[in-house]
Amino acid sequence: MFHRARKASKRHRYAVEAALPVWGSKADKIISQRKDLQDLLGSHQDSIVSAAFLRELGARRGIRSGQNGFTYGVLYARELAARDALLDELKPFL
């Protein structure tokens, strides 16, 4: 869902960029907001990918003798927390 929202935001930004000569500073403001939203949603997507990678890596490494999967679990939990914080960060855009 968030990935589709990011792509829609990008399309909106491109359309406003085309109107920049006509809309002027109003377009600049919208473009800036869309870039911020795209960055936020891109970070969220990165967090999803990172969490999945860490979960799998921790599961594989944690079962080997002499390996400790706990650290990967800690990193995984941090990625989940960052992902959950997205809702607070999205409030200005709603």
C-alpha atoms as a PDB file:
ATOM      1  CA  MET A   1       0.000   0.000   0.000  1.00  0.00           C
ATOM      2  CA  PHE A   2       2.730   2.499   0.961  1.00  0.00           C
ATOM      3  CA  HIS A   3       4.759   1.589  -2.106  1.00  0.00           C
ATOM      4  CA  ARG A   4       1.787   2.415  -4.356  1.00  0.00           C
ATOM      5  CA  ALA A   5       1.303   5.678  -2.468  1.00  0.00           C
ATOM      6  CA  ARG A   6       4.942   6.552  -3.117  1.00  0.00           C
ATOM      7  CA  LYS A   7       4.551   5.910  -6.834  1.00  0.00           C
ATOM      8  CA  ALA A   8       1.363   8.003  -6.931  1.00  0.00           C
ATOM      9  CA  SER A   9       3.136  10.806  -5.083  1.00  0.00           C
ATOM     10  CA  LYS A  10       5.922  10.684  -7.644  1.00  0.00           C
ATOM     11  CA  ARG A  11       3.435  10.953 -10.517  1.00  0.00           C
ATOM     12  CA  HIS A  12       1.751  13.893  -8.791  1.00  0.00           C
ATOM     13  CA  ARG A  13       5.105  15.617  -8.312  1.00  0.00           C
ATOM     14  CA  TYR A  14       5.986  15.168 -11.980  1.00  0.00           C
ATOM     15  CA  ALA A  15       2.644  16.642 -13.052  1.00  0.00           C
ATOM     16  CA  VAL A  16       3.159  19.655 -10.787  1.00  0.00           C
ATOM     17  CA  GLU A  17       6.712  20.078 -12.086  1.00  0.00           C
ATOM     18  CA  ALA A  18       5.228  20.410 -15.567  1.00  0.00           C
ATOM     19  CA  ALA A  19       2.977  23.200 -14.240  1.00  0.00           C
ATOM     20  CA  LEU A  20       5.836  24.987 -12.481  1.00  0.00           C
ATOM     21  CA  PRO A  21       6.098  27.818 -15.044  1.00  0.00           C
ATOM     22  CA  VAL A  22       2.415  28.611 -14.533  1.00  0.00           C
ATOM     23  CA  TRP A  23       1.950  27.918 -10.813  1.00  0.00           C
ATOM     24  CA  GLY A  24       5.270  29.329  -9.605  1.00  0.00           C
ATOM     25  CA  SER A  25       5.792  29.274  -5.830  1.00  0.00           C
ATOM     26  CA  LYS A  26       2.626  27.239  -5.256  1.00  0.00           C
ATOM     27  CA  ALA A  27       4.140  24.476  -7.391  1.00  0.00           C
ATOM     28  CA  ASP A  28       7.459  24.744  -5.521  1.00  0.00           C
ATOM     29  CA  LYS A  29       5.674  24.110  -2.231  1.00  0.00           C
ATOM     30  CA  ILE A  30       3.791  21.087  -3.572  1.00  0.00           C
ATOM     31  CA  ILE A  31       6.946  19.662  -5.163  1.00  0.00           C
ATOM     32  CA  SER A  32       8.829  20.020  -1.882  1.00  0.00           C
ATOM     33  CA  GLN A  33       6.048  18.280   0.036  1.00  0.00           C
ATOM     34  CA  ARG A  34       5.891  15.436  -2.476  1.00  0.00           C
ATOM     35  CA  LYS A  35       9.659  14.941  -2.294  1.00  0.00           C
ATOM     36  CA  ASP A  36       9.434  14.744   1.508  1.00  0.00           C
ATOM     37  CA  LEU A  37       6.619  12.215   1.276  1.00  0.00           C
ATOM     38  CA  GLN A  38       8.521  10.132  -1.280  1.00  0.00           C
ATOM     39  CA  ASP A  39      11.600  10.103   0.954  1.00  0.00           C
ATOM     40  CA  LEU A  40       9.540   9.016   3.949  1.00  0.00           C
ATOM     41  CA  LEU A  41       7.778   6.258   2.049  1.00  0.00           C
ATOM     42  CA  GLY A  42      11.068   5.163   0.456  1.00  0.00           C
ATOM     43  CA  SER A  43      12.626   4.841   3.909  1.00  0.00           C
ATOM     44  CA  HIS A  44       9.653   2.744   4.947  1.00  0.00           C
ATOM     45  CA  GLN A  45      10.151   0.411   1.979  1.00  0.00           C
ATOM     46  CA  ASP A  46      13.863   0.144   2.779  1.00  0.00           C
ATOM     47  CA  SER A  47      12.953  -0.791   6.349  1.00  0.00           C
ATOM     48  CA  ILE A  48      10.651  -3.573   5.162  1.00  0.00           C
ATOM     49  CA  VAL A  49      13.380  -5.031   2.951  1.00  0.00           C
ATOM     50  CA  SER A  50      16.031  -4.682   5.686  1.00  0.00           C
ATOM     51  CA  ALA A  51      13.828  -6.317   8.313  1.00  0.00           C
ATOM     52  CA  ALA A  52      13.149  -9.304   6.076  1.00  0.00           C
ATOM     53  CA  PHE A  53      16.857  -9.656   5.306  1.00  0.00           C
ATOM     54  CA  LEU A  54      17.854  -9.431   8.992  1.00  0.00           C
ATOM     55  CA  ARG A  55      15.192 -11.921  10.031  1.00  0.00           C
ATOM     56  CA  GLU A  56      16.382 -14.493   7.544  1.00  0.00           C
ATOM     57  CA  LEU A  57      20.062 -13.862   8.218  1.00  0.00           C
ATOM     58  CA  GLY A  58      19.528 -14.122  11.978  1.00  0.00           C
ATOM     59  CA  ALA A  59      17.606 -17.361  11.555  1.00  0.00           C
ATOM     60  CA  ARG A  60      20.387 -18.871   9.438  1.00  0.00           C
ATOM     61  CA  ARG A  61      23.320 -17.645  11.527  1.00  0.00           C
ATOM     62  CA  GLY A  62      21.721 -18.175  14.909  1.00  0.00           C
ATOM     63  CA  ILE A  63      21.491 -21.917  14.534  1.00  0.00           C
ATOM     64  CA  ARG A  64      25.172 -22.445  13.730  1.00  0.00           C
ATOM     65  CA  SER A  65      27.621 -23.422  16.395  1.00  0.00           C
ATOM     66  CA  GLY A  66      29.530 -20.392  17.644  1.00  0.00           C
ATOM     67  CA  GLN A  67      27.129 -17.937  16.006  1.00  0.00           C
ATOM     68  CA  ASN A  68      24.756 -15.615  17.810  1.00  0.00           C
ATOM     69  CA  GLY A  69      21.516 -14.661  16.081  1.00  0.00           C
ATOM     70  CA  PHE A  70      20.540 -12.321  18.926  1.00  0.00           C
ATOM     71  CA  THR A  71      22.247  -9.297  17.366  1.00  0.00           C
ATOM     72  CA  TYR A  72      20.291  -9.790  14.157  1.00  0.00           C
ATOM     73  CA  GLY A  73      17.141  -9.982  16.262  1.00  0.00           C
ATOM     74  CA  VAL A  74      17.982  -6.654  17.900  1.00  0.00           C
ATOM     75  CA  LEU A  75      18.550  -5.052  14.494  1.00  0.00           C
ATOM     76  CA  TYR A  76      15.328  -6.616  13.222  1.00  0.00           C
ATOM     77  CA  ALA A  77      13.403  -5.118  16.150  1.00  0.00           C
ATOM     78  CA  ARG A  78      14.877  -1.697  15.390  1.00  0.00           C
ATOM     79  CA  GLU A  79      13.706  -1.925  11.795  1.00  0.00           C
ATOM     80  CA  LEU A  80      10.203  -2.857  12.946  1.00  0.00           C
ATOM     81  CA  ALA A  81      10.154   0.097  15.346  1.00  0.00           C
ATOM     82  CA  ALA A  82      11.267   2.439  12.560  1.00  0.00           C
ATOM     83  CA  ARG A  83       8.529   1.082  10.335  1.00  0.00           C
ATOM     84  CA  ASP A  84       5.918   1.577  13.038  1.00  0.00           C
ATOM     85  CA  ALA A  85       7.072   5.165  13.579  1.00  0.00           C
ATOM     86  CA  LEU A  86       6.054   5.897   9.993  1.00  0.00           C
ATOM     87  CA  LEU A  87       2.462   6.464  11.030  1.00  0.00           C
ATOM     88  CA  ASP A  88       3.471   9.365  13.257  1.00  0.00           C
ATOM     89  CA  GLU A  89       5.671  10.798  10.548  1.00  0.00           C
ATOM     90  CA  LEU A  90       2.847  10.593   8.001  1.00  0.00           C
ATOM     91  CA  LYS A  91       0.441  12.726  10.037  1.00  0.00           C
ATOM     92  CA  PRO A  92       1.531  16.026   8.430  1.00  0.00           C
ATOM     93  CA  PHE A  93       0.658  14.568   5.018  1.00  0.00           C
ATOM     94  CA  LEU A  94      -2.831  13.404   5.965  1.00  0.00           C
END
